[in-house]
Amino acid sequence: MWGTLRWSQGNSTSIVFRNSVELFITQAASKGIYLDVIQDEVFPKDAIGDSGRIRQILLNVIVNAVKFTSQGGVTLKVNVSET
């Protein structure tokens, strides 16, 4: 079963997204591409989720996006959708 936790203010979704992107800014710049994150204004600042797993998913996506992008850049868009 997936573990869940309530994110503390120090682990807000904005901070997790920003920190994940910041890890790869230098790598992207060295390739001559940009790396940016756009977060939906209505995205909750505190959410219920496993911050470790969410961070790992983000890191996997960002690593592959930077690795396989040779021109232009990578934009991570984060938004809310109802399921």
C-alpha atoms as a PDB file:
ATOM      1  CA  MET A   1       0.000   0.000   0.000  1.00  0.00           C
ATOM      2  CA  TRP A   2       1.204   3.510  -0.799  1.00  0.00           C
ATOM      3  CA  GLY A   3       2.245   5.557   2.203  1.00  0.00           C
ATOM      4  CA  THR A   4       0.744   8.983   2.585  1.00  0.00           C
ATOM      5  CA  LEU A   5       1.565  11.969   4.686  1.00  0.00           C
ATOM      6  CA  ARG A   6       0.338  15.509   5.070  1.00  0.00           C
ATOM      7  CA  TRP A   7       3.000  17.778   3.711  1.00  0.00           C
ATOM      8  CA  SER A   8       4.374  20.180   6.238  1.00  0.00           C
ATOM      9  CA  GLN A   9       4.985  23.776   5.268  1.00  0.00           C
ATOM     10  CA  GLY A  10       8.640  22.887   4.700  1.00  0.00           C
ATOM     11  CA  ASN A  11       7.603  20.260   2.154  1.00  0.00           C
ATOM     12  CA  SER A  12       4.962  22.244   0.301  1.00  0.00           C
ATOM     13  CA  THR A  13       4.304  21.195  -3.262  1.00  0.00           C
ATOM     14  CA  SER A  14       5.847  24.426  -4.568  1.00  0.00           C
ATOM     15  CA  ILE A  15       9.092  23.731  -2.718  1.00  0.00           C
ATOM     16  CA  VAL A  16       9.272  20.108  -3.905  1.00  0.00           C
ATOM     17  CA  PHE A  17       8.726  21.142  -7.541  1.00  0.00           C
ATOM     18  CA  ARG A  18      11.177  24.035  -7.363  1.00  0.00           C
ATOM     19  CA  ASN A  19      13.886  22.011  -5.611  1.00  0.00           C
ATOM     20  CA  SER A  20      13.535  19.179  -8.114  1.00  0.00           C
ATOM     21  CA  VAL A  21      13.974  21.561 -11.042  1.00  0.00           C
ATOM     22  CA  GLU A  22      16.859  23.438  -9.413  1.00  0.00           C
ATOM     23  CA  LEU A  23      18.887  20.210  -9.228  1.00  0.00           C
ATOM     24  CA  PHE A  24      19.107  20.144 -13.033  1.00  0.00           C
ATOM     25  CA  ILE A  25      19.364  23.839 -13.970  1.00  0.00           C
ATOM     26  CA  THR A  26      23.151  23.637 -14.377  1.00  0.00           C
ATOM     27  CA  GLN A  27      22.967  20.457 -16.452  1.00  0.00           C
ATOM     28  CA  ALA A  28      20.350  22.015 -18.740  1.00  0.00           C
ATOM     29  CA  ALA A  29      22.347  25.228 -19.093  1.00  0.00           C
ATOM     30  CA  SER A  30      25.486  23.271 -19.999  1.00  0.00           C
ATOM     31  CA  LYS A  31      23.478  21.734 -22.876  1.00  0.00           C
ATOM     32  CA  GLY A  32      22.266  25.182 -23.942  1.00  0.00           C
ATOM     33  CA  ILE A  33      18.633  24.488 -23.054  1.00  0.00           C
ATOM     34  CA  TYR A  34      16.301  26.033 -20.490  1.00  0.00           C
ATOM     35  CA  LEU A  35      14.516  24.270 -17.655  1.00  0.00           C
ATOM     36  CA  ASP A  36      11.445  25.870 -16.132  1.00  0.00           C
ATOM     37  CA  VAL A  37       8.427  25.011 -14.005  1.00  0.00           C
ATOM     38  CA  ILE A  38       4.967  26.528 -14.388  1.00  0.00           C
ATOM     39  CA  GLN A  39       2.590  25.822 -11.529  1.00  0.00           C
ATOM     40  CA  ASP A  40      -1.148  26.388 -11.839  1.00  0.00           C
ATOM     41  CA  GLU A  41      -2.260  29.270  -9.620  1.00  0.00           C
ATOM     42  CA  VAL A  42      -5.010  27.144  -8.081  1.00  0.00           C
ATOM     43  CA  PHE A  43      -2.644  24.294  -7.235  1.00  0.00           C
ATOM     44  CA  PRO A  44      -2.861  23.631  -3.500  1.00  0.00           C
ATOM     45  CA  LYS A  45       0.166  24.732  -1.515  1.00  0.00           C
ATOM     46  CA  ASP A  46      -0.370  21.859   0.907  1.00  0.00           C
ATOM     47  CA  ALA A  47      -1.461  18.497  -0.403  1.00  0.00           C
ATOM     48  CA  ILE A  48      -1.781  14.970   0.838  1.00  0.00           C
ATOM     49  CA  GLY A  49       0.796  12.679  -0.672  1.00  0.00           C
ATOM     50  CA  ASP A  50       4.057  10.866  -0.246  1.00  0.00           C
ATOM     51  CA  SER A  51       6.616  13.615  -0.831  1.00  0.00           C
ATOM     52  CA  GLY A  52       9.441  11.100  -1.355  1.00  0.00           C
ATOM     53  CA  ARG A  53       7.603   9.268  -4.106  1.00  0.00           C
ATOM     54  CA  ILE A  54       6.389  12.447  -5.769  1.00  0.00           C
ATOM     55  CA  ARG A  55       9.924  13.839  -5.717  1.00  0.00           C
ATOM     56  CA  GLN A  56      11.301  10.613  -7.227  1.00  0.00           C
ATOM     57  CA  ILE A  57       8.741  10.724 -10.055  1.00  0.00           C
ATOM     58  CA  LEU A  58       9.598  14.364 -10.742  1.00  0.00           C
ATOM     59  CA  LEU A  59      13.320  13.617 -10.759  1.00  0.00           C
ATOM     60  CA  ASN A  60      12.855  10.726 -13.205  1.00  0.00           C
ATOM     61  CA  VAL A  61      10.782  12.873 -15.559  1.00  0.00           C
ATOM     62  CA  ILE A  62      13.185  15.827 -15.387  1.00  0.00           C
ATOM     63  CA  VAL A  63      16.308  13.672 -15.856  1.00  0.00           C
ATOM     64  CA  ASN A  64      14.879  12.077 -18.991  1.00  0.00           C
ATOM     65  CA  ALA A  65      13.522  15.350 -20.347  1.00  0.00           C
ATOM     66  CA  VAL A  66      16.886  17.101 -19.999  1.00  0.00           C
ATOM     67  CA  LYS A  67      18.789  14.068 -21.261  1.00  0.00           C
ATOM     68  CA  PHE A  68      16.757  13.752 -24.450  1.00  0.00           C
ATOM     69  CA  THR A  69      16.260  17.457 -25.235  1.00  0.00           C
ATOM     70  CA  SER A  70      18.904  18.888 -27.550  1.00  0.00           C
ATOM     71  CA  GLN A  71      17.466  22.301 -28.323  1.00  0.00           C
ATOM     72  CA  GLY A  72      14.927  24.704 -26.861  1.00  0.00           C
ATOM     73  CA  GLY A  73      14.172  23.546 -23.369  1.00  0.00           C
ATOM     74  CA  VAL A  74      12.023  21.717 -20.879  1.00  0.00           C
ATOM     75  CA  THR A  75       8.993  23.149 -19.120  1.00  0.00           C
ATOM     76  CA  LEU A  76       7.380  21.213 -16.305  1.00  0.00           C
ATOM     77  CA  LYS A  77       3.711  22.243 -16.066  1.00  0.00           C
ATOM     78  CA  VAL A  78       1.927  21.384 -12.851  1.00  0.00           C
ATOM     79  CA  ASN A  79      -1.840  21.733 -12.683  1.00  0.00           C
ATOM     80  CA  VAL A  80      -4.907  20.350 -10.993  1.00  0.00           C
ATOM     81  CA  SER A  81      -7.428  18.146 -12.745  1.00  0.00           C
ATOM     82  CA  GLU A  82     -10.420  16.320 -11.417  1.00  0.00           C
ATOM     83  CA  THR A  83     -10.537  12.574 -11.922  1.00  0.00           C
END
